[in-house]
Amino acid sequence: SVPLIMGITEVYYPELAFAQLAYGASILSFLGGARWGFAIPESSPAKPDWLNLANSTVPALMAWIALLFRDNLIEANIMLIMGFGMALHYDLSLLPTYPSWFKALRTILTLDRKS
């Protein structure tokens, strides 16, 4: 991983740091798309109403804003961490009908991203 490489070599590579940020932003955007896809089917417990569909766009917007902070990677990563935290909160408490394996996976991956 990029932080491990930079920690071991004790050299800061801004291109690698931004690549890591872009990767995190793409994952956060994917989470919003997964939520959108969960709400669209007629049989879904999360109805495709204004609240569910609007909330599914928030992760992608937060990821985009994080990428706009390209000159300040600390602020950009804080924005991503907030986005991952909000997405996790929404998935665990506001959409309790997600499968349990998905909730466990989301929790582990979010905590891994925050560390």
PDB file of N, CA and C in Angstrom:
ATOM      1  N   SER A   1       0.839  -1.187   0.000  1.00  0.00           N
ATOM      2  CA  SER A   1       0.000   0.000   0.000  1.00  0.00           C
ATOM      3  C   SER A   1       0.878   1.243   0.000  1.00  0.00           C
ATOM      4  N   VAL A   2       0.305   2.316  -0.467  1.00  0.00           N
ATOM      5  CA  VAL A   2       1.055   3.566  -0.604  1.00  0.00           C
ATOM      6  C   VAL A   2       1.566   4.092   0.733  1.00  0.00           C
ATOM      7  N   PRO A   3       0.739   4.178   1.783  1.00  0.00           N
ATOM      8  CA  PRO A   3       1.287   4.671   3.051  1.00  0.00           C
ATOM      9  C   PRO A   3       2.410   3.796   3.590  1.00  0.00           C
ATOM     10  N   LEU A   4       2.313   2.498   3.389  1.00  0.00           N
ATOM     11  CA  LEU A   4       3.364   1.592   3.850  1.00  0.00           C
ATOM     12  C   LEU A   4       4.670   1.847   3.099  1.00  0.00           C
ATOM     13  N   ILE A   5       4.578   2.005   1.790  1.00  0.00           N
ATOM     14  CA  ILE A   5       5.778   2.276   0.986  1.00  0.00           C
ATOM     15  C   ILE A   5       6.438   3.576   1.430  1.00  0.00           C
ATOM     16  N   MET A   6       5.630   4.615   1.602  1.00  0.00           N
ATOM     17  CA  MET A   6       6.197   5.897   2.007  1.00  0.00           C
ATOM     18  C   MET A   6       6.728   5.843   3.434  1.00  0.00           C
ATOM     19  N   GLY A   7       6.105   5.066   4.294  1.00  0.00           N
ATOM     20  CA  GLY A   7       6.591   4.933   5.662  1.00  0.00           C
ATOM     21  C   GLY A   7       7.908   4.181   5.748  1.00  0.00           C
ATOM     22  N   ILE A   8       8.038   3.117   4.963  1.00  0.00           N
ATOM     23  CA  ILE A   8       9.264   2.323   4.978  1.00  0.00           C
ATOM     24  C   ILE A   8      10.427   3.095   4.357  1.00  0.00           C
ATOM     25  N   THR A   9      10.165   3.720   3.227  1.00  0.00           N
ATOM     26  CA  THR A   9      11.248   4.444   2.542  1.00  0.00           C
ATOM     27  C   THR A   9      11.489   5.825   3.126  1.00  0.00           C
ATOM     28  N   GLU A  10      10.563   6.318   3.944  1.00  0.00           N
ATOM     29  CA  GLU A  10      10.635   7.652   4.533  1.00  0.00           C
ATOM     30  C   GLU A  10      10.763   8.739   3.469  1.00  0.00           C
ATOM     31  N   VAL A  11      10.083   8.499   2.339  1.00  0.00           N
ATOM     32  CA  VAL A  11      10.057   9.462   1.241  1.00  0.00           C
ATOM     33  C   VAL A  11       8.596   9.708   0.879  1.00  0.00           C
ATOM     34  N   TYR A  12       8.245  10.978   0.729  1.00  0.00           N
ATOM     35  CA  TYR A  12       6.878  11.340   0.362  1.00  0.00           C
ATOM     36  C   TYR A  12       6.776  11.448  -1.157  1.00  0.00           C
ATOM     37  N   TYR A  13       5.856  10.688  -1.716  1.00  0.00           N
ATOM     38  CA  TYR A  13       5.603  10.713  -3.157  1.00  0.00           C
ATOM     39  C   TYR A  13       4.224  11.318  -3.388  1.00  0.00           C
ATOM     40  N   PRO A  14       4.143  12.583  -3.779  1.00  0.00           N
ATOM     41  CA  PRO A  14       2.836  13.215  -3.935  1.00  0.00           C
ATOM     42  C   PRO A  14       1.957  12.544  -4.991  1.00  0.00           C
ATOM     43  N   GLU A  15       2.558  12.011  -6.037  1.00  0.00           N
ATOM     44  CA  GLU A  15       1.765  11.340  -7.070  1.00  0.00           C
ATOM     45  C   GLU A  15       1.113  10.074  -6.516  1.00  0.00           C
ATOM     46  N   LEU A  16       1.861   9.331  -5.714  1.00  0.00           N
ATOM     47  CA  LEU A  16       1.293   8.124  -5.111  1.00  0.00           C
ATOM     48  C   LEU A  16       0.229   8.467  -4.078  1.00  0.00           C
ATOM     49  N   ALA A  17       0.448   9.543  -3.330  1.00  0.00           N
ATOM     50  CA  ALA A  17      -0.539   9.961  -2.340  1.00  0.00           C
ATOM     51  C   ALA A  17      -1.837  10.363  -3.031  1.00  0.00           C
ATOM     52  N   PHE A  18      -1.729  11.072  -4.145  1.00  0.00           N
ATOM     53  CA  PHE A  18      -2.944  11.455  -4.863  1.00  0.00           C
ATOM     54  C   PHE A  18      -3.609  10.240  -5.505  1.00  0.00           C
ATOM     55  N   ALA A  19      -2.813   9.290  -5.986  1.00  0.00           N
ATOM     56  CA  ALA A  19      -3.385   8.062  -6.544  1.00  0.00           C
ATOM     57  C   ALA A  19      -4.184   7.305  -5.487  1.00  0.00           C
ATOM     58  N   GLN A  20      -3.677   7.277  -4.265  1.00  0.00           N
ATOM     59  CA  GLN A  20      -4.393   6.631  -3.162  1.00  0.00           C
ATOM     60  C   GLN A  20      -5.699   7.369  -2.877  1.00  0.00           C
ATOM     61  N   LEU A  21      -5.647   8.692  -2.921  1.00  0.00           N
ATOM     62  CA  LEU A  21      -6.853   9.505  -2.720  1.00  0.00           C
ATOM     63  C   LEU A  21      -7.874   9.226  -3.817  1.00  0.00           C
ATOM     64  N   ALA A  22      -7.422   9.170  -5.060  1.00  0.00           N
ATOM     65  CA  ALA A  22      -8.329   8.908  -6.181  1.00  0.00           C
ATOM     66  C   ALA A  22      -8.957   7.523  -6.062  1.00  0.00           C
ATOM     67  N   TYR A  23      -8.179   6.549  -5.599  1.00  0.00           N
ATOM     68  CA  TYR A  23      -8.716   5.204  -5.395  1.00  0.00           C
ATOM     69  C   TYR A  23      -9.814   5.226  -4.326  1.00  0.00           C
ATOM     70  N   GLY A  24      -9.553   5.906  -3.218  1.00  0.00           N
ATOM     71  CA  GLY A  24     -10.562   6.024  -2.174  1.00  0.00           C
ATOM     72  C   GLY A  24     -11.815   6.730  -2.669  1.00  0.00           C
ATOM     73  N   ALA A  25     -11.644   7.757  -3.490  1.00  0.00           N
ATOM     74  CA  ALA A  25     -12.792   8.482  -4.033  1.00  0.00           C
ATOM     75  C   ALA A  25     -13.618   7.586  -4.955  1.00  0.00           C
ATOM     76  N   SER A  26     -12.961   6.742  -5.725  1.00  0.00           N
ATOM     77  CA  SER A  26     -13.713   5.848  -6.610  1.00  0.00           C
ATOM     78  C   SER A  26     -14.484   4.802  -5.803  1.00  0.00           C
ATOM     79  N   ILE A  27     -13.896   4.303  -4.736  1.00  0.00           N
ATOM     80  CA  ILE A  27     -14.599   3.347  -3.878  1.00  0.00           C
ATOM     81  C   ILE A  27     -15.798   4.004  -3.210  1.00  0.00           C
ATOM     82  N   LEU A  28     -15.625   5.227  -2.720  1.00  0.00           N
ATOM     83  CA  LEU A  28     -16.732   5.942  -2.085  1.00  0.00           C
ATOM     84  C   LEU A  28     -17.855   6.184  -3.090  1.00  0.00           C
ATOM     85  N   SER A  29     -17.512   6.533  -4.311  1.00  0.00           N
ATOM     86  CA  SER A  29     -18.533   6.717  -5.348  1.00  0.00           C
ATOM     87  C   SER A  29     -19.266   5.414  -5.629  1.00  0.00           C
ATOM     88  N   PHE A  30     -18.529   4.314  -5.641  1.00  0.00           N
ATOM     89  CA  PHE A  30     -19.147   3.006  -5.868  1.00  0.00           C
ATOM     90  C   PHE A  30     -20.189   2.689  -4.791  1.00  0.00           C
ATOM     91  N   LEU A  31     -19.899   3.060  -3.544  1.00  0.00           N
ATOM     92  CA  LEU A  31     -20.852   2.791  -2.458  1.00  0.00           C
ATOM     93  C   LEU A  31     -22.180   3.501  -2.702  1.00  0.00           C
ATOM     94  N   GLY A  32     -22.111   4.716  -3.219  1.00  0.00           N
ATOM     95  CA  GLY A  32     -23.345   5.423  -3.560  1.00  0.00           C
ATOM     96  C   GLY A  32     -24.095   4.724  -4.680  1.00  0.00           C
ATOM     97  N   GLY A  33     -23.352   4.233  -5.674  1.00  0.00           N
ATOM     98  CA  GLY A  33     -23.984   3.500  -6.763  1.00  0.00           C
ATOM     99  C   GLY A  33     -24.625   2.205  -6.291  1.00  0.00           C
ATOM    100  N   ALA A  34     -23.961   1.533  -5.345  1.00  0.00           N
ATOM    101  CA  ALA A  34     -24.543   0.303  -4.793  1.00  0.00           C
ATOM    102  C   ALA A  34     -25.842   0.608  -4.057  1.00  0.00           C
ATOM    103  N   ARG A  35     -25.864   1.713  -3.334  1.00  0.00           N
ATOM    104  CA  ARG A  35     -27.084   2.106  -2.625  1.00  0.00           C
ATOM    105  C   ARG A  35     -28.197   2.433  -3.625  1.00  0.00           C
ATOM    106  N   TRP A  36     -27.856   3.128  -4.689  1.00  0.00           N
ATOM    107  CA  TRP A  36     -28.831   3.447  -5.732  1.00  0.00           C
ATOM    108  C   TRP A  36     -29.388   2.149  -6.317  1.00  0.00           C
ATOM    109  N   GLY A  37     -28.497   1.223  -6.645  1.00  0.00           N
ATOM    110  CA  GLY A  37     -28.930  -0.049  -7.205  1.00  0.00           C
ATOM    111  C   GLY A  37     -29.781  -0.864  -6.247  1.00  0.00           C
ATOM    112  N   PHE A  38     -29.556  -0.710  -4.944  1.00  0.00           N
ATOM    113  CA  PHE A  38     -30.353  -1.417  -3.953  1.00  0.00           C
ATOM    114  C   PHE A  38     -31.767  -0.841  -3.882  1.00  0.00           C
ATOM    115  N   ALA A  39     -31.914   0.452  -4.119  1.00  0.00           N
ATOM    116  CA  ALA A  39     -33.219   1.107  -3.974  1.00  0.00           C
ATOM    117  C   ALA A  39     -34.098   0.979  -5.213  1.00  0.00           C
ATOM    118  N   ILE A  40     -33.535   0.710  -6.365  1.00  0.00           N
ATOM    119  CA  ILE A  40     -34.300   0.731  -7.609  1.00  0.00           C
ATOM    120  C   ILE A  40     -35.268  -0.446  -7.791  1.00  0.00           C
ATOM    121  N   PRO A  41     -34.906  -1.690  -7.479  1.00  0.00           N
ATOM    122  CA  PRO A  41     -35.846  -2.797  -7.747  1.00  0.00           C
ATOM    123  C   PRO A  41     -37.167  -2.642  -6.982  1.00  0.00           C
ATOM    124  N   GLU A  42     -38.240  -3.081  -7.605  1.00  0.00           N
ATOM    125  CA  GLU A  42     -39.562  -2.972  -6.977  1.00  0.00           C
ATOM    126  C   GLU A  42     -39.648  -3.763  -5.679  1.00  0.00           C
ATOM    127  N   SER A  43     -38.928  -4.861  -5.585  1.00  0.00           N
ATOM    128  CA  SER A  43     -38.996  -5.708  -4.396  1.00  0.00           C
ATOM    129  C   SER A  43     -38.077  -5.227  -3.273  1.00  0.00           C
ATOM    130  N   SER A  44     -37.363  -4.150  -3.489  1.00  0.00           N
ATOM    131  CA  SER A  44     -36.411  -3.672  -2.485  1.00  0.00           C
ATOM    132  C   SER A  44     -37.127  -3.062  -1.282  1.00  0.00           C
ATOM    133  N   PRO A  45     -36.642  -3.340  -0.064  1.00  0.00           N
ATOM    134  CA  PRO A  45     -37.220  -2.706   1.118  1.00  0.00           C
ATOM    135  C   PRO A  45     -36.899  -1.205   1.186  1.00  0.00           C
ATOM    136  N   ALA A  46     -35.863  -0.768   0.491  1.00  0.00           N
ATOM    137  CA  ALA A  46     -35.544   0.656   0.406  1.00  0.00           C
ATOM    138  C   ALA A  46     -36.223   1.187  -0.851  1.00  0.00           C
ATOM    139  N   LYS A  47     -37.317   1.858  -0.673  1.00  0.00           N
ATOM    140  CA  LYS A  47     -38.096   2.333  -1.812  1.00  0.00           C
ATOM    141  C   LYS A  47     -37.337   3.417  -2.581  1.00  0.00           C
ATOM    142  N   PRO A  48     -37.535   3.495  -3.887  1.00  0.00           N
ATOM    143  CA  PRO A  48     -36.845   4.524  -4.675  1.00  0.00           C
ATOM    144  C   PRO A  48     -37.513   5.895  -4.521  1.00  0.00           C
ATOM    145  N   ASP A  49     -37.510   6.393  -3.309  1.00  0.00           N
ATOM    146  CA  ASP A  49     -38.105   7.707  -3.054  1.00  0.00           C
ATOM    147  C   ASP A  49     -37.014   8.773  -3.042  1.00  0.00           C
ATOM    148  N   TRP A  50     -37.431   9.996  -2.824  1.00  0.00           N
ATOM    149  CA  TRP A  50     -36.503  11.126  -2.836  1.00  0.00           C
ATOM    150  C   TRP A  50     -35.374  10.932  -1.829  1.00  0.00           C
ATOM    151  N   LEU A  51     -35.686  10.489  -0.628  1.00  0.00           N
ATOM    152  CA  LEU A  51     -34.675  10.348   0.421  1.00  0.00           C
ATOM    153  C   LEU A  51     -33.612   9.315   0.046  1.00  0.00           C
ATOM    154  N   ASN A  52     -34.029   8.140  -0.366  1.00  0.00           N
ATOM    155  CA  ASN A  52     -33.065   7.085  -0.689  1.00  0.00           C
ATOM    156  C   ASN A  52     -32.224   7.424  -1.918  1.00  0.00           C
ATOM    157  N   LEU A  53     -32.849   7.967  -2.949  1.00  0.00           N
ATOM    158  CA  LEU A  53     -32.095   8.269  -4.158  1.00  0.00           C
ATOM    159  C   LEU A  53     -31.188   9.474  -3.962  1.00  0.00           C
ATOM    160  N   ALA A  54     -31.646  10.478  -3.231  1.00  0.00           N
ATOM    161  CA  ALA A  54     -30.792  11.642  -2.964  1.00  0.00           C
ATOM    162  C   ALA A  54     -29.611  11.252  -2.078  1.00  0.00           C
ATOM    163  N   ASN A  55     -29.868  10.431  -1.063  1.00  0.00           N
ATOM    164  CA  ASN A  55     -28.777   9.992  -0.189  1.00  0.00           C
ATOM    165  C   ASN A  55     -27.764   9.129  -0.926  1.00  0.00           C
ATOM    166  N   SER A  56     -28.189   8.472  -1.977  1.00  0.00           N
ATOM    167  CA  SER A  56     -27.241   7.636  -2.711  1.00  0.00           C
ATOM    168  C   SER A  56     -26.282   8.469  -3.557  1.00  0.00           C
ATOM    169  N   THR A  57     -26.581   9.743  -3.773  1.00  0.00           N
ATOM    170  CA  THR A  57     -25.665  10.602  -4.524  1.00  0.00           C
ATOM    171  C   THR A  57     -24.637  11.279  -3.622  1.00  0.00           C
ATOM    172  N   VAL A  58     -24.875  11.291  -2.311  1.00  0.00           N
ATOM    173  CA  VAL A  58     -23.977  11.981  -1.383  1.00  0.00           C
ATOM    174  C   VAL A  58     -22.554  11.417  -1.402  1.00  0.00           C
ATOM    175  N   PRO A  59     -22.332  10.101  -1.380  1.00  0.00           N
ATOM    176  CA  PRO A  59     -20.948   9.612  -1.410  1.00  0.00           C
ATOM    177  C   PRO A  59     -20.172  10.062  -2.650  1.00  0.00           C
ATOM    178  N   ALA A  60     -20.809  10.034  -3.808  1.00  0.00           N
ATOM    179  CA  ALA A  60     -20.117  10.468  -5.026  1.00  0.00           C
ATOM    180  C   ALA A  60     -19.791  11.956  -4.972  1.00  0.00           C
ATOM    181  N   LEU A  61     -20.701  12.756  -4.445  1.00  0.00           N
ATOM    182  CA  LEU A  61     -20.432  14.192  -4.325  1.00  0.00           C
ATOM    183  C   LEU A  61     -19.296  14.467  -3.351  1.00  0.00           C
ATOM    184  N   MET A  62     -19.275  13.742  -2.241  1.00  0.00           N
ATOM    185  CA  MET A  62     -18.184  13.933  -1.279  1.00  0.00           C
ATOM    186  C   MET A  62     -16.849  13.491  -1.877  1.00  0.00           C
ATOM    187  N   ALA A  63     -16.861  12.427  -2.664  1.00  0.00           N
ATOM    188  CA  ALA A  63     -15.630  11.979  -3.320  1.00  0.00           C
ATOM    189  C   ALA A  63     -15.147  13.023  -4.318  1.00  0.00           C
ATOM    190  N   TRP A  64     -16.063  13.604  -5.054  1.00  0.00           N
ATOM    191  CA  TRP A  64     -15.695  14.639  -6.029  1.00  0.00           C
ATOM    192  C   TRP A  64     -15.106  15.860  -5.325  1.00  0.00           C
ATOM    193  N   ILE A  65     -15.726  16.269  -4.229  1.00  0.00           N
ATOM    194  CA  ILE A  65     -15.204  17.411  -3.467  1.00  0.00           C
ATOM    195  C   ILE A  65     -13.812  17.089  -2.928  1.00  0.00           C
ATOM    196  N   ALA A  66     -13.605  15.861  -2.469  1.00  0.00           N
ATOM    197  CA  ALA A  66     -12.278  15.474  -1.970  1.00  0.00           C
ATOM    198  C   ALA A  66     -11.235  15.602  -3.069  1.00  0.00           C
ATOM    199  N   LEU A  67     -11.593  15.233  -4.287  1.00  0.00           N
ATOM    200  CA  LEU A  67     -10.637  15.351  -5.390  1.00  0.00           C
ATOM    201  C   LEU A  67     -10.336  16.806  -5.733  1.00  0.00           C
ATOM    202  N   LEU A  68     -11.256  17.702  -5.419  1.00  0.00           N
ATOM    203  CA  LEU A  68     -10.999  19.125  -5.656  1.00  0.00           C
ATOM    204  C   LEU A  68      -9.950  19.675  -4.697  1.00  0.00           C
ATOM    205  N   PHE A  69      -9.728  18.999  -3.575  1.00  0.00           N
ATOM    206  CA  PHE A  69      -8.714  19.401  -2.602  1.00  0.00           C
ATOM    207  C   PHE A  69      -7.353  18.807  -2.957  1.00  0.00           C
ATOM    208  N   ARG A  70      -7.051  18.649  -4.203  1.00  0.00           N
ATOM    209  CA  ARG A  70      -5.835  17.951  -4.634  1.00  0.00           C
ATOM    210  C   ARG A  70      -4.567  18.590  -4.096  1.00  0.00           C
ATOM    211  N   ASP A  71      -4.593  19.886  -3.810  1.00  0.00           N
ATOM    212  CA  ASP A  71      -3.392  20.545  -3.291  1.00  0.00           C
ATOM    213  C   ASP A  71      -3.235  20.389  -1.784  1.00  0.00           C
ATOM    214  N   ASN A  72      -4.270  19.940  -1.109  1.00  0.00           N
ATOM    215  CA  ASN A  72      -4.200  19.725   0.339  1.00  0.00           C
ATOM    216  C   ASN A  72      -4.743  18.329   0.630  1.00  0.00           C
ATOM    217  N   LEU A  73      -3.860  17.350   0.623  1.00  0.00           N
ATOM    218  CA  LEU A  73      -4.299  15.967   0.753  1.00  0.00           C
ATOM    219  C   LEU A  73      -4.826  15.638   2.144  1.00  0.00           C
ATOM    220  N   ILE A  74      -4.463  16.418   3.149  1.00  0.00           N
ATOM    221  CA  ILE A  74      -5.012  16.183   4.488  1.00  0.00           C
ATOM    222  C   ILE A  74      -6.504  16.483   4.486  1.00  0.00           C
ATOM    223  N   GLU A  75      -6.880  17.635   3.960  1.00  0.00           N
ATOM    224  CA  GLU A  75      -8.302  17.974   3.883  1.00  0.00           C
ATOM    225  C   GLU A  75      -9.051  17.003   2.984  1.00  0.00           C
ATOM    226  N   ALA A  76      -8.429  16.604   1.894  1.00  0.00           N
ATOM    227  CA  ALA A  76      -9.070  15.664   0.976  1.00  0.00           C
ATOM    228  C   ALA A  76      -9.339  14.325   1.661  1.00  0.00           C
ATOM    229  N   ASN A  77      -8.365  13.827   2.404  1.00  0.00           N
ATOM    230  CA  ASN A  77      -8.565  12.555   3.103  1.00  0.00           C
ATOM    231  C   ASN A  77      -9.564  12.678   4.235  1.00  0.00           C
ATOM    232  N   ILE A  78      -9.608  13.815   4.897  1.00  0.00           N
ATOM    233  CA  ILE A  78     -10.637  14.028   5.926  1.00  0.00           C
ATOM    234  C   ILE A  78     -12.021  13.982   5.289  1.00  0.00           C
ATOM    235  N   MET A  79     -12.166  14.578   4.107  1.00  0.00           N
ATOM    236  CA  MET A  79     -13.452  14.536   3.405  1.00  0.00           C
ATOM    237  C   MET A  79     -13.824  13.094   3.051  1.00  0.00           C
ATOM    238  N   LEU A  80     -12.857  12.320   2.600  1.00  0.00           N
ATOM    239  CA  LEU A  80     -13.142  10.913   2.285  1.00  0.00           C
ATOM    240  C   LEU A  80     -13.521  10.132   3.533  1.00  0.00           C
ATOM    241  N   ILE A  81     -12.815  10.352   4.624  1.00  0.00           N
ATOM    242  CA  ILE A  81     -13.126   9.646   5.869  1.00  0.00           C
ATOM    243  C   ILE A  81     -14.537   9.989   6.332  1.00  0.00           C
ATOM    244  N   MET A  82     -14.903  11.269   6.238  1.00  0.00           N
ATOM    245  CA  MET A  82     -16.276  11.654   6.599  1.00  0.00           C
ATOM    246  C   MET A  82     -17.282  10.979   5.675  1.00  0.00           C
ATOM    247  N   GLY A  83     -16.966  10.902   4.393  1.00  0.00           N
ATOM    248  CA  GLY A  83     -17.867  10.244   3.449  1.00  0.00           C
ATOM    249  C   GLY A  83     -18.039   8.765   3.739  1.00  0.00           C
ATOM    250  N   PHE A  84     -16.921   8.081   4.027  1.00  0.00           N
ATOM    251  CA  PHE A  84     -17.011   6.657   4.372  1.00  0.00           C
ATOM    252  C   PHE A  84     -17.800   6.459   5.670  1.00  0.00           C
ATOM    253  N   GLY A  85     -17.588   7.331   6.640  1.00  0.00           N
ATOM    254  CA  GLY A  85     -18.329   7.235   7.899  1.00  0.00           C
ATOM    255  C   GLY A  85     -19.815   7.458   7.711  1.00  0.00           C
ATOM    256  N   MET A  86     -20.172   8.465   6.916  1.00  0.00           N
ATOM    257  CA  MET A  86     -21.592   8.723   6.658  1.00  0.00           C
ATOM    258  C   MET A  86     -22.233   7.572   5.894  1.00  0.00           C
ATOM    259  N   ALA A  87     -21.516   7.039   4.917  1.00  0.00           N
ATOM    260  CA  ALA A  87     -22.053   5.919   4.153  1.00  0.00           C
ATOM    261  C   ALA A  87     -22.246   4.691   5.046  1.00  0.00           C
ATOM    262  N   LEU A  88     -21.296   4.452   5.942  1.00  0.00           N
ATOM    263  CA  LEU A  88     -21.426   3.315   6.855  1.00  0.00           C
ATOM    264  C   LEU A  88     -22.613   3.516   7.797  1.00  0.00           C
ATOM    265  N   HIS A  89     -22.751   4.715   8.334  1.00  0.00           N
ATOM    266  CA  HIS A  89     -23.888   4.998   9.215  1.00  0.00           C
ATOM    267  C   HIS A  89     -25.204   4.767   8.478  1.00  0.00           C
ATOM    268  N   TYR A  90     -25.299   5.243   7.278  1.00  0.00           N
ATOM    269  CA  TYR A  90     -26.520   5.070   6.505  1.00  0.00           C
ATOM    270  C   TYR A  90     -26.795   3.590   6.246  1.00  0.00           C
ATOM    271  N   ASP A  91     -25.756   2.857   5.873  1.00  0.00           N
ATOM    272  CA  ASP A  91     -25.941   1.445   5.555  1.00  0.00           C
ATOM    273  C   ASP A  91     -26.329   0.615   6.774  1.00  0.00           C
ATOM    274  N   LEU A  92     -25.759   0.924   7.935  1.00  0.00           N
ATOM    275  CA  LEU A  92     -26.023   0.105   9.121  1.00  0.00           C
ATOM    276  C   LEU A  92     -27.306   0.492   9.848  1.00  0.00           C
ATOM    277  N   SER A  93     -27.607   1.774   9.919  1.00  0.00           N
ATOM    278  CA  SER A  93     -28.754   2.166  10.743  1.00  0.00           C
ATOM    279  C   SER A  93     -29.983   2.562   9.944  1.00  0.00           C
ATOM    280  N   LEU A  94     -29.800   3.130   8.775  1.00  0.00           N
ATOM    281  CA  LEU A  94     -30.972   3.580   8.027  1.00  0.00           C
ATOM    282  C   LEU A  94     -31.469   2.552   7.020  1.00  0.00           C
ATOM    283  N   LEU A  95     -30.612   1.617   6.663  1.00  0.00           N
ATOM    284  CA  LEU A  95     -31.020   0.532   5.764  1.00  0.00           C
ATOM    285  C   LEU A  95     -30.752  -0.806   6.436  1.00  0.00           C
ATOM    286  N   PRO A  96     -31.512  -1.141   7.477  1.00  0.00           N
ATOM    287  CA  PRO A  96     -31.230  -2.374   8.223  1.00  0.00           C
ATOM    288  C   PRO A  96     -31.527  -3.652   7.440  1.00  0.00           C
ATOM    289  N   THR A  97     -32.071  -3.531   6.251  1.00  0.00           N
ATOM    290  CA  THR A  97     -32.425  -4.728   5.485  1.00  0.00           C
ATOM    291  C   THR A  97     -31.295  -5.230   4.599  1.00  0.00           C
ATOM    292  N   TYR A  98     -30.147  -4.566   4.604  1.00  0.00           N
ATOM    293  CA  TYR A  98     -29.003  -5.110   3.879  1.00  0.00           C
ATOM    294  C   TYR A  98     -28.658  -6.470   4.454  1.00  0.00           C
ATOM    295  N   PRO A  99     -28.128  -7.386   3.646  1.00  0.00           N
ATOM    296  CA  PRO A  99     -27.718  -8.692   4.184  1.00  0.00           C
ATOM    297  C   PRO A  99     -26.627  -8.525   5.242  1.00  0.00           C
ATOM    298  N   SER A 100     -26.612  -9.409   6.215  1.00  0.00           N
ATOM    299  CA  SER A 100     -25.653  -9.292   7.319  1.00  0.00           C
ATOM    300  C   SER A 100     -24.210  -9.400   6.840  1.00  0.00           C
ATOM    301  N   TRP A 101     -23.945 -10.227   5.826  1.00  0.00           N
ATOM    302  CA  TRP A 101     -22.579 -10.338   5.311  1.00  0.00           C
ATOM    303  C   TRP A 101     -22.121  -9.015   4.711  1.00  0.00           C
ATOM    304  N   PHE A 102     -23.050  -8.273   4.068  1.00  0.00           N
ATOM    305  CA  PHE A 102     -22.687  -6.992   3.471  1.00  0.00           C
ATOM    306  C   PHE A 102     -22.383  -5.961   4.555  1.00  0.00           C
ATOM    307  N   LYS A 103     -23.178  -5.968   5.622  1.00  0.00           N
ATOM    308  CA  LYS A 103     -22.930  -5.042   6.733  1.00  0.00           C
ATOM    309  C   LYS A 103     -21.573  -5.310   7.380  1.00  0.00           C
ATOM    310  N   ALA A 104     -21.245  -6.593   7.575  1.00  0.00           N
ATOM    311  CA  ALA A 104     -19.947  -6.936   8.173  1.00  0.00           C
ATOM    312  C   ALA A 104     -18.799  -6.511   7.259  1.00  0.00           C
ATOM    313  N   LEU A 105     -18.929  -6.787   5.975  1.00  0.00           N
ATOM    314  CA  LEU A 105     -17.902  -6.393   5.023  1.00  0.00           C
ATOM    315  C   LEU A 105     -17.734  -4.881   4.983  1.00  0.00           C
ATOM    316  N   ARG A 106     -18.850  -4.146   4.958  1.00  0.00           N
ATOM    317  CA  ARG A 106     -18.794  -2.679   4.927  1.00  0.00           C
ATOM    318  C   ARG A 106     -18.105  -2.133   6.173  1.00  0.00           C
ATOM    319  N   THR A 107     -18.398  -2.704   7.329  1.00  0.00           N
ATOM    320  CA  THR A 107     -17.793  -2.229   8.569  1.00  0.00           C
ATOM    321  C   THR A 107     -16.288  -2.462   8.558  1.00  0.00           C
ATOM    322  N   ILE A 108     -15.866  -3.645   8.179  1.00  0.00           N
ATOM    323  CA  ILE A 108     -14.443  -3.964   8.150  1.00  0.00           C
ATOM    324  C   ILE A 108     -13.702  -3.075   7.154  1.00  0.00           C
ATOM    325  N   LEU A 109     -14.254  -2.928   5.950  1.00  0.00           N
ATOM    326  CA  LEU A 109     -13.570  -2.124   4.939  1.00  0.00           C
ATOM    327  C   LEU A 109     -13.539  -0.637   5.315  1.00  0.00           C
ATOM    328  N   THR A 110     -14.607  -0.152   5.958  1.00  0.00           N
ATOM    329  CA  THR A 110     -14.618   1.254   6.370  1.00  0.00           C
ATOM    330  C   THR A 110     -13.606   1.503   7.477  1.00  0.00           C
ATOM    331  N   LEU A 111     -13.551   0.627   8.446  1.00  0.00           N
ATOM    332  CA  LEU A 111     -12.583   0.805   9.528  1.00  0.00           C
ATOM    333  C   LEU A 111     -11.152   0.673   9.011  1.00  0.00           C
ATOM    334  N   ASP A 112     -10.958  -0.175   8.001  1.00  0.00           N
ATOM    335  CA  ASP A 112      -9.635  -0.303   7.395  1.00  0.00           C
ATOM    336  C   ASP A 112      -9.259   0.981   6.661  1.00  0.00           C
ATOM    337  N   ARG A 113     -10.197   1.601   6.001  1.00  0.00           N
ATOM    338  CA  ARG A 113      -9.938   2.840   5.272  1.00  0.00           C
ATOM    339  C   ARG A 113      -9.637   3.991   6.236  1.00  0.00           C
ATOM    340  N   LYS A 114     -10.314   3.990   7.380  1.00  0.00           N
ATOM    341  CA  LYS A 114     -10.120   5.079   8.330  1.00  0.00           C
ATOM    342  C   LYS A 114      -8.796   4.989   9.055  1.00  0.00           C
ATOM    343  N   SER A 115      -8.213   3.796   9.097  1.00  0.00           N
ATOM    344  CA  SER A 115      -6.942   3.657   9.822  1.00  0.00           C
ATOM    345  C   SER A 115      -5.747   4.033   8.968  1.00  0.00           C
TER     346      SER A 115
END
